Each structure stands twice: as C-alpha cells, then as structure tokens.
Amino acid sequence: MTQSVSADVLSRLKAALGEGGWSQDPDRLEPKLKEWRGRWTGRTPLLALPRTTAQVAAVVGICAAEGVAITPQGGNTGLVAGQIPQGEILLSTEKLAAVRDVDAFDDVMVLEAGVTLARAHEVAASVNRRFPLSLASEGSCTIGGLASTNAGGTAVLRYGVMRDQILGIEAVLPSGEVWNGLKRLRKDNTGYDLKQLLIGAEGTLGIITAASLKLQPILASRCVAVAGVASAQDAIALLARAKDESGGAVEAFELMSRLGVVLAIKNIPGLREPLAEAHPWYVLIETASGEPGAAEAAMERLLSGALEAGLIQDATVAQTQAQAHALWAVRENQSGGQKPEGAAWKHDVSVPVSKVAAFIDQANAAVERLSPGVRIVAFGHVGDGNVHYDVLRAEGAPDDPHDALRDQGARIVHDIVAAMDGSISAEHGLGAMKSAEAVGYKSPVEVAALRAVREALDPRRIMNPRVLF
C-alpha cells in the first residue's frame, strides 16, 4: 500500500466517477479536510463524490488493485478524526442520498448512506412512523456515518444504539465487490452476521452504501422536564426511581453540570436558565407512551415523589413543544457552549450506570491534582452510562500548557474508566485519535482476533488504514 497516487490512477478514478463526481478544488476540499473541533486538518489528492453504489465499487476496485488507500467520509461530524484523510483518497458519500423505499406495513425504510438523520426523520414521519435515533448533529450526520460508528444519541435507554436500528446493509467490500445485505428480516439465524462486522467498523472493512432501518410507532404522549439535583449520585438515584416507577416510559435521561449549563447560556444565543435557581447538577428527563396522557402522568408521579424524597431540589415541566425544545437546546449545546472557552480535553466514556457518580468523583480528583484550576464539564446520556467528560483550561489561562497535558489527562481518565470495566469510547468511535491507545485497554487475544478479521477482508489495508486495529 502506498499513500502516493499516480497521475494514471487519478485519471482512471476521475473517469469512473464522471463529470461532477470528483473534485480537486481547494475551496471544495477545505471544509472536508477539517473536523469540527479544529484539531485535525487533512490532505487528499482527490475527493471522490460517487452518486451510485456502482461508482463506489469502481473507485474501491481501482484502489484495491493499485494499493491506494481510501478514507470514507459521511457528514464530517466525527470527533475522533476517523474521517479526515492524511494523503488517502477521500470518498464522500454525500451524493448517495436516495430514499430507496419506505414501508409502514413492514416498518422499514431503505436509505442510502448520504441521507442525513434529519431527512431520515422526515421520511419516517411521512408514513406516520418514527426513526428513534436522535443526535444534536442530525442536520449534518448521515446514515452511513452513523452506521459506521455505531452512533448512540439520546434515546438509547429505550431504543438502543444505531446497531439496534439496522436490519440490513449494502456495502462495498475492500475488494471492490458489492455485498447486498439489505434484508428486512427481524429473524435470520443462518450463521455469521456480516452486517454486524461492518457496523461500528469505521470504514475499515468496507464502505456502507445503504441501510434497511427499523421504524417505530409515533407515541401518543410525550413529556419533557428538567430537575435540579444536589449531586450526580442523586441523579443516579432518580434514574433508578424513574425506571422502577414509569413502566418503561423513560426515553431519555440526560445529566448536565452547572458549569455546562452556564457556558451554554453564556456562549449560545437564545438559551435560558432551565430553572429559577442555580443547582449543582441538572437532569433532563423525557417520558413517552402509546397511551394519551400517560407520559405526563408518569412524569408528574416521578417528580412529586422525588421531591418528597429529597432527590430533587426543583423541577420544571414543559407545557408546550416550544418549551420542550428550549429545555433540550440547553442539553444539546453542552459541547457548543465550551467551544469559545479555549483548549479542552474531551473524553467520551461509558461505565456501568451504578458507577457514573463514582467515576465523576474519582476523575475530578485525579484531574485537579494533575492541573489545579481546570474547569470540568461532565454531561451526557447517564441513563446508559455514557459520560462526556470534558476538561477546560483554567479561566484566563493560555491554551498551550493545557494542551501539553492532554495525553496525560486522557490516560488518567481512561485508567479510571478501565478499572470500572468501562469503555474509552462510548459512542464517538476510536478514529485516528484513540486507535493506538485502545490497544492497551484490550486483551492480546481480542486484539489478535480483531486484526485477523481485518486481515481477512482487507489484506492490503487500504480502507481507512490509520483507524482501528
């Protein structure tokens, strides 16, 4: 495999893609060579913009024959640099944007990889159904990227991660061959499940070009509330109570620290304090039910009981859709609110739900020993154990000294996670940022098995070569 690409290969790739199917224009390339946080900048000899699966196969086939590496990219919303090329051909799925089918009877839709999550929601709604995966980046993130990174989001507590939404996929394998696995079956017990290898593989075992996705019913009632709590441990106790008392109505259970709320309101126009008084921690809860009025009733029972028990200090319940959106906006801008504050160490981790509070306490103490005065923003999908643990430089301090401690800080946080039998990447994937580090947290047996799978499917390692194992 080589990272240099001859003029002849570039000419053949351009011919396979046709007019409008490729670009070398620096202005066209520039936004695709930078990730959202601005930490990674890439380079590529060619941006491939295939419009069909056949064109993807043609590009991969040429690259496979010549040993030329490819970096696939969806909506470029990834946060671990797995989509940023460093000399590879950059293959964008943005033009693979067809809705191939939507079927309310089978509760399935078949979408190409470049369809955005927001568009997927519209397609589902067009047949009075719902696609439950929900992320703040829904206007940009795409079905192919979501599948390739096994994205999570805010509704995992009820519906699971992206893997749980997929019935089948179509993909171009590293050989350039097309695998049509777009089945719509809920049951298929005929041996190895190839799609599960490709889901979460970050483009290393093939390029996902389409997916058959489950649809869910639109529930009759929905209720959103924010409660103020004294500690992360109280938030976990509230979650346990919610699960026990709601009859499965809890769809989202999100944790926010006071600092995260303050920075979101400070830096994102239009946001407001969710509660009249400040609280150390906030929990956003969403309940939903197929029975009219049941979600609201479940929320009222939960909050009144929790207030009596001293688990919450105050709460507000959205009375309109606009109020619900306003509460969610504070949660969805936890990352955006940090961006103007300078250098930050970002950690996307998961631990058993019962250990979330202990993780935050231990990580806070360890990080503050390493770098006194840092500002810590912990938030995330606490209902499934996923904590976004972000460490901002001290207010007014320069970025460089904080950046210099980034790797040391990550090791401290990740060691605590590993000791709790957690994961150093809950939903963002490993990308170029965490792949080497992840090897140290997996057993030699597991790493050898994973490498054997990759060697079998991509012996020349042309697919996203800097990512995973």
Protein backbone atom coordinates (compact mmCIF):
# COMPACT_ATOMS: atom_id res chain seq x y z
CA MET A 1 0.00 0.00 0.00
CA THR A 2 1.24 3.47 -0.82
CA GLN A 3 -0.04 6.90 0.07
CA SER A 4 1.19 8.42 -3.21
CA VAL A 5 -1.23 8.26 -6.12
CA SER A 6 0.00 8.28 -9.71
CA ALA A 7 -1.46 10.51 -12.38
CA ASP A 8 -2.68 7.41 -14.21
CA VAL A 9 -4.65 6.16 -11.19
CA LEU A 10 -6.14 9.61 -10.63
CA SER A 11 -7.18 9.73 -14.28
CA ARG A 12 -8.87 6.33 -14.02
CA LEU A 13 -10.68 7.33 -10.83
CA LYS A 14 -11.95 10.52 -12.45
CA ALA A 15 -13.19 8.57 -15.46
CA ALA A 16 -15.03 6.10 -13.22
CA LEU A 17 -16.72 8.92 -11.33
CA GLY A 18 -17.65 11.03 -14.35
CA GLU A 19 -18.38 14.72 -14.59
CA GLY A 20 -19.28 16.22 -11.22
CA GLY A 21 -18.20 13.07 -9.43
CA TRP A 22 -14.85 14.30 -8.17
CA SER A 23 -13.03 17.46 -7.14
CA GLN A 24 -9.55 18.79 -6.56
CA ASP A 25 -10.74 22.34 -5.96
CA PRO A 26 -9.13 23.60 -2.72
CA ASP A 27 -12.28 25.55 -1.80
CA ARG A 28 -14.40 22.42 -2.26
CA LEU A 29 -11.96 20.29 -0.29
CA GLU A 30 -11.29 22.66 2.59
CA PRO A 31 -14.42 22.00 4.73
CA LYS A 32 -13.99 18.25 4.31
CA LEU A 33 -10.39 18.30 5.50
CA LYS A 34 -11.11 19.86 8.89
CA GLU A 35 -13.02 18.33 11.77
CA TRP A 36 -15.50 20.25 13.91
CA ARG A 37 -13.16 20.94 16.82
CA GLY A 38 -10.42 22.28 14.56
CA ARG A 39 -7.74 19.96 15.93
CA TRP A 40 -7.20 17.90 12.79
CA THR A 41 -6.51 19.07 9.24
CA GLY A 42 -6.09 16.57 6.43
CA ARG A 43 -4.92 16.36 2.84
CA THR A 44 -6.04 14.33 -0.16
CA PRO A 45 -5.09 14.07 -3.83
CA LEU A 46 -8.74 13.61 -4.83
CA LEU A 47 -12.22 13.99 -3.41
CA ALA A 48 -14.42 11.22 -4.81
CA LEU A 49 -18.14 12.03 -4.94
CA PRO A 50 -19.86 8.87 -6.20
CA ARG A 51 -23.58 9.02 -6.94
CA THR A 52 -24.21 5.26 -7.05
CA THR A 53 -23.06 2.09 -5.35
CA ALA A 54 -21.59 1.00 -8.69
CA GLN A 55 -19.37 4.08 -8.73
CA VAL A 56 -18.24 3.37 -5.16
CA ALA A 57 -17.36 -0.16 -6.24
CA ALA A 58 -15.43 1.15 -9.24
CA VAL A 59 -13.38 3.51 -7.08
CA VAL A 60 -12.64 0.85 -4.47
CA GLY A 61 -11.79 -1.69 -7.16
CA ILE A 62 -9.21 0.61 -8.75
CA CYS A 63 -7.72 1.49 -5.37
CA ALA A 64 -7.60 -2.17 -4.33
CA ALA A 65 -5.76 -3.15 -7.49
CA GLU A 66 -3.24 -0.33 -7.09
CA GLY A 67 -2.82 -0.45 -3.30
CA VAL A 68 -4.16 3.08 -2.88
CA ALA A 69 -5.75 3.90 0.47
CA ILE A 70 -9.23 5.38 0.94
CA THR A 71 -10.75 7.38 3.77
CA PRO A 72 -14.58 7.30 3.72
CA GLN A 73 -16.48 10.33 4.99
CA GLY A 74 -20.15 10.95 5.72
CA GLY A 75 -21.28 14.26 7.19
CA ASN A 76 -17.87 15.08 8.72
CA THR A 77 -19.37 15.29 12.20
CA GLY A 78 -16.98 12.74 13.73
CA LEU A 79 -15.00 13.85 16.77
CA VAL A 80 -12.05 11.43 16.69
CA ALA A 81 -10.63 12.25 13.22
CA GLY A 82 -11.51 8.92 11.62
CA GLN A 83 -12.97 10.76 8.63
CA ILE A 84 -10.02 13.08 7.97
CA PRO A 85 -7.59 11.80 5.29
CA GLN A 86 -3.84 12.10 5.57
CA GLY A 87 -2.97 11.59 1.92
CA GLU A 88 -5.59 8.96 1.13
CA ILE A 89 -8.33 9.29 -1.47
CA LEU A 90 -11.27 10.93 0.30
CA LEU A 91 -14.53 9.21 -0.62
CA SER A 92 -17.57 11.23 0.41
CA THR A 93 -20.99 9.58 0.49
CA GLU A 94 -22.85 12.91 0.33
CA LYS A 95 -24.31 12.21 -3.12
CA LEU A 96 -25.58 8.76 -2.15
CA ALA A 97 -28.75 10.42 -0.92
CA ALA A 98 -31.66 8.42 -2.34
CA VAL A 99 -34.63 7.14 -0.38
CA ARG A 100 -34.97 3.71 -1.93
CA ASP A 101 -38.09 2.61 -0.07
CA VAL A 102 -40.29 3.27 2.93
CA ASP A 103 -42.88 0.72 4.07
CA ALA A 104 -45.20 1.35 7.01
CA PHE A 105 -46.52 -2.22 6.99
CA ASP A 106 -43.08 -3.79 7.36
CA ASP A 107 -41.95 -0.84 9.50
CA VAL A 108 -38.80 -0.34 7.45
CA MET A 109 -37.15 2.28 5.29
CA VAL A 110 -34.19 1.79 2.97
CA LEU A 111 -31.92 4.82 2.78
CA GLU A 112 -28.61 5.44 1.07
CA ALA A 113 -25.56 6.32 3.11
CA GLY A 114 -25.58 10.06 2.42
CA VAL A 115 -29.10 10.68 3.71
CA THR A 116 -28.94 12.92 6.77
CA LEU A 117 -30.50 11.93 10.06
CA ALA A 118 -32.88 14.89 9.81
CA ARG A 119 -34.05 13.65 6.41
CA ALA A 120 -34.46 10.14 7.84
CA HIS A 121 -36.79 11.58 10.48
CA GLU A 122 -38.83 13.27 7.73
CA VAL A 123 -39.08 10.06 5.71
CA ALA A 124 -40.29 8.12 8.73
CA ALA A 125 -42.84 10.81 9.58
CA SER A 126 -44.19 10.72 6.02
CA VAL A 127 -45.70 7.30 6.78
CA ASN A 128 -46.71 8.15 10.36
CA ARG A 129 -43.70 6.39 11.84
CA ARG A 130 -40.62 7.42 13.78
CA PHE A 131 -36.91 6.72 13.41
CA PRO A 132 -35.81 7.00 17.05
CA LEU A 133 -32.10 7.75 16.77
CA SER A 134 -31.57 11.36 17.88
CA LEU A 135 -28.39 13.46 17.92
CA ALA A 136 -27.69 17.17 18.07
CA SER A 137 -25.88 16.95 14.70
CA GLU A 138 -28.93 15.50 12.91
CA GLY A 139 -28.82 18.12 10.16
CA SER A 140 -25.32 17.03 9.08
CA CYS A 141 -24.65 13.47 10.23
CA THR A 142 -25.52 10.75 7.73
CA ILE A 143 -26.87 7.21 7.80
CA GLY A 144 -23.59 5.73 6.56
CA GLY A 145 -21.54 7.54 9.17
CA LEU A 146 -24.00 6.68 11.93
CA ALA A 147 -23.81 3.01 10.99
CA SER A 148 -20.03 3.01 10.55
CA THR A 149 -19.53 4.50 14.02
CA ASN A 150 -22.49 2.74 15.68
CA ALA A 151 -23.75 6.09 16.95
CA GLY A 152 -25.71 6.40 20.17
CA GLY A 153 -27.63 9.56 20.96
CA THR A 154 -30.33 10.49 23.42
CA ALA A 155 -32.85 7.64 23.03
CA VAL A 156 -30.54 4.68 23.71
CA LEU A 157 -32.27 3.99 27.01
CA ARG A 158 -35.39 2.83 25.17
CA TYR A 159 -34.33 2.00 21.61
CA GLY A 160 -30.64 1.16 21.74
CA VAL A 161 -27.77 2.37 19.56
CA MET A 162 -27.58 2.56 15.75
CA ARG A 163 -26.73 -1.13 15.54
CA ASP A 164 -30.13 -1.88 17.06
CA GLN A 165 -31.93 0.12 14.35
CA ILE A 166 -30.42 -1.73 11.38
CA LEU A 167 -31.99 -4.74 9.68
CA GLY A 168 -29.62 -4.93 6.73
CA ILE A 169 -26.91 -3.07 4.85
CA GLU A 170 -25.42 -2.79 1.41
CA ALA A 171 -21.67 -2.27 1.31
CA VAL A 172 -18.68 -2.23 -0.98
CA LEU A 173 -16.01 -4.53 0.44
CA PRO A 174 -12.26 -3.76 0.26
CA SER A 175 -12.00 -5.93 -2.86
CA GLY A 176 -14.41 -3.65 -4.70
CA GLU A 177 -17.17 -6.25 -4.62
CA VAL A 178 -20.70 -5.20 -3.64
CA TRP A 179 -22.40 -7.11 -0.83
CA ASN A 180 -26.16 -6.70 -0.97
CA GLY A 181 -27.34 -7.48 2.54
CA LEU A 182 -30.38 -5.20 2.53
CA LYS A 183 -32.67 -7.73 4.14
CA ARG A 184 -35.66 -6.60 6.17
CA LEU A 185 -35.86 -9.60 8.46
CA ARG A 186 -36.19 -9.44 12.23
CA LYS A 187 -35.01 -13.05 12.39
CA ASP A 188 -32.24 -14.59 10.29
CA ASN A 189 -30.27 -17.29 12.10
CA THR A 190 -28.15 -18.56 9.21
CA GLY A 191 -24.64 -18.15 10.53
CA TYR A 192 -22.28 -15.20 10.88
CA ASP A 193 -24.00 -11.82 10.71
CA LEU A 194 -21.76 -9.91 8.32
CA LYS A 195 -23.57 -6.63 8.78
CA GLN A 196 -22.60 -6.57 12.46
CA LEU A 197 -18.93 -6.65 11.46
CA LEU A 198 -19.35 -3.62 9.22
CA ILE A 199 -21.45 -1.64 11.72
CA GLY A 200 -19.06 0.20 14.01
CA ALA A 201 -16.02 -0.71 11.89
CA GLU A 202 -15.41 2.97 10.97
CA GLY A 203 -15.00 2.19 7.30
CA THR A 204 -12.16 -0.28 7.81
CA LEU A 205 -13.98 -3.36 6.49
CA GLY A 206 -15.94 -1.74 3.69
CA ILE A 207 -17.98 1.30 2.74
CA ILE A 208 -21.64 1.16 3.74
CA THR A 209 -23.72 2.49 0.84
CA ALA A 210 -27.28 1.86 2.08
CA ALA A 211 -29.16 0.50 5.08
CA SER A 212 -32.54 -1.04 5.88
CA LEU A 213 -33.73 0.67 9.04
CA LYS A 214 -36.43 -0.16 11.57
CA LEU A 215 -39.33 2.22 12.01
CA GLN A 216 -41.17 2.71 15.29
CA PRO A 217 -44.70 3.92 16.05
CA ILE A 218 -45.25 7.56 16.91
CA LEU A 219 -46.21 7.54 20.57
CA ALA A 220 -49.36 9.35 21.66
CA SER A 221 -47.93 11.29 24.60
CA ARG A 222 -44.57 12.80 25.38
CA CYS A 223 -43.31 14.91 28.28
CA VAL A 224 -40.01 16.75 28.91
CA ALA A 225 -38.81 18.06 32.25
CA VAL A 226 -35.63 19.36 33.88
CA ALA A 227 -34.90 18.76 37.56
CA GLY A 228 -32.19 20.28 39.73
CA VAL A 229 -30.26 17.85 41.92
CA ALA A 230 -27.54 18.24 44.53
CA SER A 231 -25.15 15.58 43.21
CA ALA A 232 -24.50 13.11 40.43
CA GLN A 233 -25.32 10.35 42.91
CA ASP A 234 -28.77 11.85 43.45
CA ALA A 235 -29.22 11.87 39.68
CA ILE A 236 -28.46 8.15 39.56
CA ALA A 237 -30.89 7.51 42.41
CA LEU A 238 -33.51 9.47 40.47
CA LEU A 239 -32.84 7.32 37.40
CA ALA A 240 -33.38 4.15 39.43
CA ARG A 241 -36.65 5.54 40.74
CA ALA A 242 -37.74 6.55 37.24
CA LYS A 243 -37.07 3.08 35.86
CA ASP A 244 -38.94 1.42 38.72
CA GLU A 245 -41.98 3.69 38.61
CA SER A 246 -42.50 4.66 34.98
CA GLY A 247 -43.42 1.32 33.46
CA GLY A 248 -40.81 1.75 30.74
CA ALA A 249 -41.90 5.29 29.84
CA VAL A 250 -38.46 6.89 30.28
CA GLU A 251 -36.92 7.53 26.86
CA ALA A 252 -34.14 9.96 27.76
CA PHE A 253 -32.29 10.71 30.97
CA GLU A 254 -29.56 13.31 30.50
CA LEU A 255 -27.14 14.76 33.04
CA MET A 256 -25.69 18.30 32.96
CA SER A 257 -23.33 20.03 35.38
CA ARG A 258 -23.87 23.61 36.49
CA LEU A 259 -20.78 24.79 34.60
CA GLY A 260 -22.00 23.18 31.40
CA VAL A 261 -25.32 25.00 31.69
CA VAL A 262 -23.59 28.30 32.46
CA LEU A 263 -21.28 28.07 29.43
CA ALA A 264 -24.10 27.06 27.09
CA ILE A 265 -26.19 30.06 28.15
CA LYS A 266 -23.15 32.37 28.01
CA ASN A 267 -21.98 31.37 24.54
CA ILE A 268 -25.08 30.22 22.63
CA PRO A 269 -27.61 32.97 21.82
CA GLY A 270 -31.21 32.36 22.81
CA LEU A 271 -30.67 29.86 25.62
CA ARG A 272 -32.18 30.48 29.05
CA GLU A 273 -31.74 29.10 32.55
CA PRO A 274 -33.89 25.97 32.85
CA LEU A 275 -34.79 26.67 36.50
CA ALA A 276 -35.25 29.80 38.60
CA GLU A 277 -32.41 28.89 40.98
CA ALA A 278 -28.95 27.52 40.20
CA HIS A 279 -28.24 23.87 41.06
CA PRO A 280 -25.02 21.83 41.11
CA TRP A 281 -26.47 19.34 38.62
CA TYR A 282 -29.43 19.13 36.27
CA VAL A 283 -31.26 16.15 34.84
CA LEU A 284 -33.31 16.33 31.65
CA ILE A 285 -35.95 13.60 31.52
CA GLU A 286 -38.21 12.66 28.64
CA THR A 287 -41.06 10.20 29.02
CA ALA A 288 -43.18 8.81 26.20
CA SER A 289 -46.13 6.44 25.97
CA GLY A 290 -48.54 4.99 23.46
CA GLU A 291 -51.42 5.99 25.73
CA PRO A 292 -52.64 9.60 25.63
CA GLY A 293 -51.72 11.47 28.80
CA ALA A 294 -49.68 8.61 30.23
CA ALA A 295 -46.27 10.25 29.70
CA GLU A 296 -47.37 13.38 31.54
CA ALA A 297 -48.87 11.35 34.37
CA ALA A 298 -45.70 9.27 34.72
CA MET A 299 -43.58 12.43 34.87
CA GLU A 300 -45.83 14.04 37.49
CA ARG A 301 -45.67 10.94 39.71
CA LEU A 302 -41.91 10.71 39.36
CA LEU A 303 -41.16 14.35 40.13
CA SER A 304 -43.60 14.72 43.01
CA GLY A 305 -42.31 11.55 44.66
CA ALA A 306 -38.68 12.53 44.10
CA LEU A 307 -39.30 15.98 45.57
CA GLU A 308 -40.84 14.45 48.69
CA ALA A 309 -37.91 12.03 48.98
CA GLY A 310 -35.38 14.86 48.71
CA LEU A 311 -33.85 13.53 45.48
CA ILE A 312 -34.57 16.71 43.56
CA GLN A 313 -34.49 20.34 44.64
CA ASP A 314 -36.72 21.84 41.96
CA ALA A 315 -38.18 20.93 38.58
CA THR A 316 -39.96 22.36 35.58
CA VAL A 317 -42.18 20.51 33.12
CA ALA A 318 -42.52 21.75 29.55
CA GLN A 319 -46.10 22.74 28.79
CA THR A 320 -45.60 23.29 25.06
CA GLN A 321 -43.45 21.90 22.28
CA ALA A 322 -41.52 25.17 22.23
CA GLN A 323 -40.73 24.85 25.93
CA ALA A 324 -39.60 21.25 25.41
CA HIS A 325 -37.29 22.36 22.58
CA ALA A 326 -35.88 25.12 24.80
CA LEU A 327 -35.02 22.63 27.55
CA TRP A 328 -33.43 20.25 25.05
CA ALA A 329 -31.47 23.12 23.49
CA VAL A 330 -29.57 23.63 26.75
CA ARG A 331 -28.58 19.96 26.75
CA GLU A 332 -27.74 19.84 23.04
CA ASN A 333 -25.42 22.85 23.34
CA GLN A 334 -23.24 21.48 26.13
CA SER A 335 -20.40 20.98 23.64
CA GLY A 336 -21.08 24.13 21.64
CA GLY A 337 -21.04 26.21 24.80
CA GLN A 338 -17.50 25.07 25.55
CA LYS A 339 -16.02 25.84 22.15
CA PRO A 340 -15.30 29.57 22.75
CA GLU A 341 -13.67 28.78 26.11
CA GLY A 342 -10.36 27.61 24.66
CA ALA A 343 -8.43 24.36 24.91
CA ALA A 344 -10.28 21.35 26.31
CA TRP A 345 -9.56 17.66 26.82
CA LYS A 346 -12.57 15.71 25.54
CA HIS A 347 -13.47 12.25 26.78
CA ASP A 348 -16.39 10.13 25.57
CA VAL A 349 -16.55 7.26 28.05
CA SER A 350 -19.00 4.76 29.46
CA VAL A 351 -19.13 2.92 32.76
CA PRO A 352 -21.84 0.82 34.40
CA VAL A 353 -24.68 3.18 35.32
CA SER A 354 -24.23 2.38 39.00
CA LYS A 355 -20.65 3.72 38.81
CA VAL A 356 -21.28 7.01 36.99
CA ALA A 357 -21.16 9.17 40.12
CA ALA A 358 -18.05 7.40 41.43
CA PHE A 359 -16.35 7.86 38.06
CA ILE A 360 -17.05 11.60 38.07
CA ASP A 361 -15.80 11.99 41.65
CA GLN A 362 -12.61 9.99 41.05
CA ALA A 363 -11.86 11.64 37.71
CA ASN A 364 -12.43 15.12 39.15
CA ALA A 365 -9.99 14.50 41.98
CA ALA A 366 -7.32 13.00 39.71
CA VAL A 367 -7.57 15.67 37.03
CA GLU A 368 -7.46 18.50 39.55
CA ARG A 369 -4.29 17.01 41.04
CA LEU A 370 -2.73 16.99 37.59
CA SER A 371 -3.77 20.53 36.68
CA PRO A 372 -5.21 22.65 39.51
CA GLY A 373 -7.80 25.20 38.47
CA VAL A 374 -9.13 23.40 35.41
CA ARG A 375 -12.84 23.65 34.69
CA ILE A 376 -14.67 20.33 34.38
CA VAL A 377 -17.87 19.86 32.39
CA ALA A 378 -19.43 16.43 32.78
CA PHE A 379 -22.64 15.70 30.91
CA GLY A 380 -24.24 13.02 28.82
CA HIS A 381 -26.57 10.10 28.46
CA VAL A 382 -26.34 8.96 32.06
CA GLY A 383 -29.29 6.62 31.54
CA ASP A 384 -26.98 4.30 29.58
CA GLY A 385 -23.75 5.12 31.44
CA ASN A 386 -22.28 7.40 28.76
CA VAL A 387 -20.47 10.43 30.21
CA HIS A 388 -18.89 13.18 28.14
CA TYR A 389 -16.14 14.27 30.49
CA ASP A 390 -14.54 17.50 29.29
CA VAL A 391 -11.68 19.35 30.97
CA LEU A 392 -11.33 23.02 30.02
CA ARG A 393 -8.28 25.13 30.73
CA ALA A 394 -8.46 27.40 33.77
CA GLU A 395 -10.31 30.61 33.02
CA GLY A 396 -7.90 33.20 31.62
CA ALA A 397 -5.05 30.69 31.30
CA PRO A 398 -3.23 30.16 27.97
CA ASP A 399 -4.11 27.17 25.79
CA ASP A 400 -0.64 25.72 25.27
CA PRO A 401 0.14 24.46 28.80
CA HIS A 402 -3.30 22.84 28.97
CA ASP A 403 -2.86 21.22 25.55
CA ALA A 404 0.51 19.85 26.65
CA LEU A 405 -1.20 17.80 29.37
CA ARG A 406 -3.91 16.40 27.08
CA ASP A 407 -2.47 12.90 26.66
CA GLN A 408 -1.57 12.59 30.32
CA GLY A 409 -5.07 13.69 31.29
CA ALA A 410 -6.62 11.17 28.91
CA ARG A 411 -4.58 8.35 30.39
CA ILE A 412 -5.68 9.30 33.92
CA VAL A 413 -9.36 9.43 32.93
CA HIS A 414 -9.22 6.28 30.83
CA ASP A 415 -7.41 4.30 33.52
CA ILE A 416 -10.24 5.11 35.92
CA VAL A 417 -12.75 4.01 33.28
CA ALA A 418 -10.88 0.76 32.65
CA ALA A 419 -10.75 0.00 36.37
CA MET A 420 -14.56 0.24 36.37
CA ASP A 421 -14.81 -2.15 33.39
CA GLY A 422 -15.91 0.71 31.16
CA SER A 423 -15.07 1.87 27.64
CA ILE A 424 -12.81 4.71 26.50
CA SER A 425 -15.18 5.38 23.59
CA ALA A 426 -18.88 5.12 24.28
CA GLU A 427 -20.28 6.48 21.02
CA HIS A 428 -17.74 8.52 19.04
CA GLY A 429 -15.60 5.59 17.92
CA LEU A 430 -11.81 5.38 18.03
CA GLY A 431 -10.78 7.12 14.82
CA ALA A 432 -7.19 8.26 14.41
CA MET A 433 -7.29 9.80 17.87
CA LYS A 434 -7.84 6.75 20.06
CA SER A 435 -6.98 3.68 17.99
CA ALA A 436 -3.42 3.20 19.28
CA GLU A 437 -4.49 3.88 22.86
CA ALA A 438 -7.36 1.38 22.66
CA VAL A 439 -4.96 -1.49 22.02
CA GLY A 440 -3.61 -1.05 25.54
CA TYR A 441 -7.06 -1.48 27.05
CA LYS A 442 -7.90 -4.69 25.19
CA SER A 443 -6.50 -8.15 25.80
CA PRO A 444 -3.92 -9.57 23.37
CA VAL A 445 -6.42 -12.30 22.49
CA GLU A 446 -9.06 -9.76 21.47
CA VAL A 447 -6.63 -7.58 19.52
CA ALA A 448 -5.29 -10.60 17.62
CA ALA A 449 -8.81 -11.72 16.72
CA LEU A 450 -9.80 -8.25 15.53
CA ARG A 451 -6.66 -7.95 13.42
CA ALA A 452 -7.33 -11.36 11.90
CA VAL A 453 -10.78 -10.21 10.78
CA ARG A 454 -9.32 -7.12 9.16
CA GLU A 455 -6.52 -9.07 7.50
CA ALA A 456 -9.06 -11.48 6.02
CA LEU A 457 -11.24 -8.77 4.48
CA ASP A 458 -8.61 -6.12 3.69
CA PRO A 459 -5.18 -7.78 3.40
CA ARG A 460 -3.65 -4.68 1.79
CA ARG A 461 -5.17 -2.42 4.46
CA ILE A 462 -6.46 0.14 2.00
CA MET A 463 -9.64 1.01 3.93
CA ASN A 464 -9.13 3.82 6.44
CA PRO A 465 -5.65 2.47 7.23
CA ARG A 466 -4.90 4.69 10.25
CA VAL A 467 -8.04 3.64 12.12
CA LEU A 468 -8.71 0.72 14.49
CA PHE A 469 -6.51 -2.34 14.80
